[in-house]
């Protein structure tokens, strides 16, 4: 029976593992690019990802 669980389709990273590449849309007016990928920064800059809820949304 196929599962729709994302957890079964993804790999858990351990400390020291490289993050998989991903692409995200940029906020309007913050970049000359419409989309940016993690690989754009690999070997060039350190990247910190921060996730936080929007105001007035349930957590």
N, C-alpha and C. Protein backbone atom coordinates (compact mmCIF):
# COMPACT_ATOMS: atom_id res chain seq x y z
N UNK A 1 0.84 -1.17 0.00
CA UNK A 1 0.00 0.00 0.00
C UNK A 1 0.89 1.24 0.00
N UNK A 2 0.77 2.13 -1.01
CA UNK A 2 1.62 3.32 -1.07
C UNK A 2 1.28 4.29 0.07
N UNK A 3 2.31 4.96 0.55
CA UNK A 3 2.13 5.92 1.64
C UNK A 3 2.31 7.34 1.12
N UNK A 4 1.50 8.26 1.64
CA UNK A 4 1.63 9.66 1.26
C UNK A 4 2.51 10.43 2.23
N UNK A 5 3.14 9.73 3.15
CA UNK A 5 3.95 10.38 4.18
C UNK A 5 5.24 10.93 3.59
N UNK A 6 5.49 12.21 3.80
CA UNK A 6 6.74 12.82 3.35
C UNK A 6 7.92 12.25 4.12
N UNK A 7 7.70 11.93 5.40
CA UNK A 7 8.77 11.41 6.24
C UNK A 7 9.37 10.13 5.66
N UNK A 8 8.59 9.33 5.00
CA UNK A 8 9.10 8.08 4.44
C UNK A 8 9.84 8.32 3.13
N UNK A 9 9.67 9.49 2.55
CA UNK A 9 10.32 9.79 1.28
C UNK A 9 11.54 10.68 1.43
N UNK A 10 11.84 11.10 2.65
CA UNK A 10 12.97 12.00 2.87
C UNK A 10 14.02 11.34 3.75
N UNK A 11 15.19 11.89 3.74
CA UNK A 11 16.31 11.38 4.52
C UNK A 11 16.57 12.35 5.66
N UNK A 12 16.81 11.83 6.84
CA UNK A 12 17.15 12.66 7.98
C UNK A 12 18.62 13.02 7.92
N UNK A 13 18.92 14.30 8.03
CA UNK A 13 20.31 14.75 8.02
C UNK A 13 20.90 14.64 9.42
N UNK A 14 22.17 14.36 9.46
CA UNK A 14 22.90 14.30 10.72
C UNK A 14 23.86 15.49 10.77
N UNK A 15 24.33 15.83 11.95
CA UNK A 15 25.29 16.91 12.11
C UNK A 15 26.48 16.65 11.19
N UNK A 16 26.84 17.65 10.41
CA UNK A 16 27.96 17.52 9.49
C UNK A 16 27.56 17.15 8.07
N UNK A 17 26.32 16.68 7.88
CA UNK A 17 25.84 16.36 6.53
C UNK A 17 25.62 17.65 5.74
N UNK A 18 25.82 17.57 4.45
CA UNK A 18 25.50 18.71 3.58
C UNK A 18 24.00 18.72 3.32
N UNK A 19 23.44 19.90 3.29
CA UNK A 19 22.01 20.04 3.00
C UNK A 19 21.78 19.75 1.52
N UNK A 20 20.66 19.13 1.20
CA UNK A 20 20.34 18.91 -0.22
C UNK A 20 20.02 20.24 -0.89
N UNK A 21 20.27 20.32 -2.17
CA UNK A 21 19.98 21.55 -2.90
C UNK A 21 18.48 21.79 -2.98
N UNK A 22 18.08 23.03 -2.93
CA UNK A 22 16.68 23.39 -3.10
C UNK A 22 16.62 24.78 -3.71
N UNK A 23 15.47 25.11 -4.28
CA UNK A 23 15.26 26.40 -4.91
C UNK A 23 14.02 27.04 -4.32
N UNK A 24 14.12 28.34 -4.00
CA UNK A 24 13.01 29.09 -3.43
C UNK A 24 12.81 30.38 -4.22
N UNK A 25 11.59 30.88 -4.19
CA UNK A 25 11.30 32.19 -4.78
C UNK A 25 11.81 33.27 -3.84
N UNK A 26 12.29 34.36 -4.40
CA UNK A 26 12.76 35.48 -3.57
C UNK A 26 11.62 36.45 -3.33
N UNK A 27 11.74 37.22 -2.27
CA UNK A 27 10.74 38.25 -1.98
C UNK A 27 10.92 39.39 -2.98
N UNK A 28 9.84 39.95 -3.42
CA UNK A 28 9.87 41.02 -4.41
C UNK A 28 10.73 42.18 -3.91
N UNK A 29 11.66 42.60 -4.74
CA UNK A 29 12.51 43.74 -4.41
C UNK A 29 13.74 43.41 -3.58
N UNK A 30 13.96 42.13 -3.25
CA UNK A 30 15.10 41.78 -2.41
C UNK A 30 16.27 41.20 -3.21
N UNK A 31 16.05 40.91 -4.46
CA UNK A 31 17.10 40.28 -5.26
C UNK A 31 16.85 40.59 -6.73
N UNK A 32 17.92 40.50 -7.52
CA UNK A 32 17.75 40.67 -8.96
C UNK A 32 17.31 39.37 -9.61
N UNK A 33 17.24 38.29 -8.81
CA UNK A 33 16.78 36.99 -9.31
C UNK A 33 15.37 36.71 -8.82
N UNK A 34 14.60 35.99 -9.61
CA UNK A 34 13.26 35.59 -9.21
C UNK A 34 13.30 34.39 -8.28
N UNK A 35 14.31 33.53 -8.48
CA UNK A 35 14.47 32.34 -7.65
C UNK A 35 15.94 32.23 -7.27
N UNK A 36 16.19 31.60 -6.14
CA UNK A 36 17.56 31.39 -5.66
C UNK A 36 17.68 29.95 -5.17
N UNK A 37 18.83 29.34 -5.42
CA UNK A 37 19.08 27.96 -5.00
C UNK A 37 20.21 27.93 -3.98
N UNK A 38 20.16 26.94 -3.12
CA UNK A 38 21.23 26.78 -2.14
C UNK A 38 22.57 26.62 -2.85
N UNK A 39 22.57 25.92 -3.96
CA UNK A 39 23.83 25.69 -4.69
C UNK A 39 24.43 26.99 -5.22
N UNK A 40 23.65 28.06 -5.32
CA UNK A 40 24.18 29.35 -5.74
C UNK A 40 25.23 29.87 -4.75
N UNK A 41 25.14 29.44 -3.50
CA UNK A 41 26.03 29.93 -2.44
C UNK A 41 27.10 28.93 -2.02
N UNK A 42 26.98 27.70 -2.49
CA UNK A 42 27.90 26.64 -2.06
C UNK A 42 29.35 27.04 -2.37
N UNK A 43 30.18 27.03 -1.35
CA UNK A 43 31.59 27.38 -1.51
C UNK A 43 31.84 28.88 -1.55
N UNK A 44 30.78 29.68 -1.52
CA UNK A 44 30.93 31.13 -1.61
C UNK A 44 30.61 31.83 -0.29
N UNK A 45 29.51 31.41 0.36
CA UNK A 45 29.04 32.07 1.57
C UNK A 45 28.45 31.03 2.51
N UNK A 46 28.38 31.36 3.79
CA UNK A 46 27.65 30.52 4.74
C UNK A 46 26.18 30.85 4.63
N UNK A 47 25.33 29.86 4.80
CA UNK A 47 23.89 30.05 4.70
C UNK A 47 23.24 29.58 6.00
N UNK A 48 22.36 30.41 6.54
CA UNK A 48 21.60 30.06 7.74
C UNK A 48 20.12 30.10 7.36
N UNK A 49 19.41 29.02 7.63
CA UNK A 49 17.98 28.98 7.35
C UNK A 49 17.23 29.20 8.65
N UNK A 50 16.26 30.09 8.61
CA UNK A 50 15.44 30.38 9.78
C UNK A 50 13.98 30.24 9.37
N UNK A 51 13.24 29.47 10.14
CA UNK A 51 11.82 29.30 9.88
C UNK A 51 11.05 29.88 11.04
N UNK A 52 10.09 30.71 10.76
CA UNK A 52 9.26 31.28 11.82
C UNK A 52 7.85 31.49 11.27
N UNK A 53 6.86 31.40 12.14
CA UNK A 53 5.47 31.56 11.67
C UNK A 53 5.16 33.02 11.40
N UNK A 54 4.22 33.24 10.50
CA UNK A 54 3.73 34.59 10.26
C UNK A 54 2.91 35.05 11.45
N UNK A 55 2.80 36.33 11.62
CA UNK A 55 1.97 36.87 12.71
C UNK A 55 0.53 36.42 12.50
N UNK A 56 -0.13 36.16 13.59
CA UNK A 56 -1.55 35.79 13.61
C UNK A 56 -1.83 34.44 12.95
N UNK A 57 -0.85 33.55 12.93
CA UNK A 57 -1.08 32.20 12.43
C UNK A 57 -0.89 31.22 13.59
N UNK A 58 -1.65 30.13 13.61
CA UNK A 58 -1.47 29.15 14.69
C UNK A 58 -0.11 28.45 14.54
N UNK A 59 0.47 28.11 15.64
CA UNK A 59 1.78 27.44 15.61
C UNK A 59 1.59 25.98 15.95
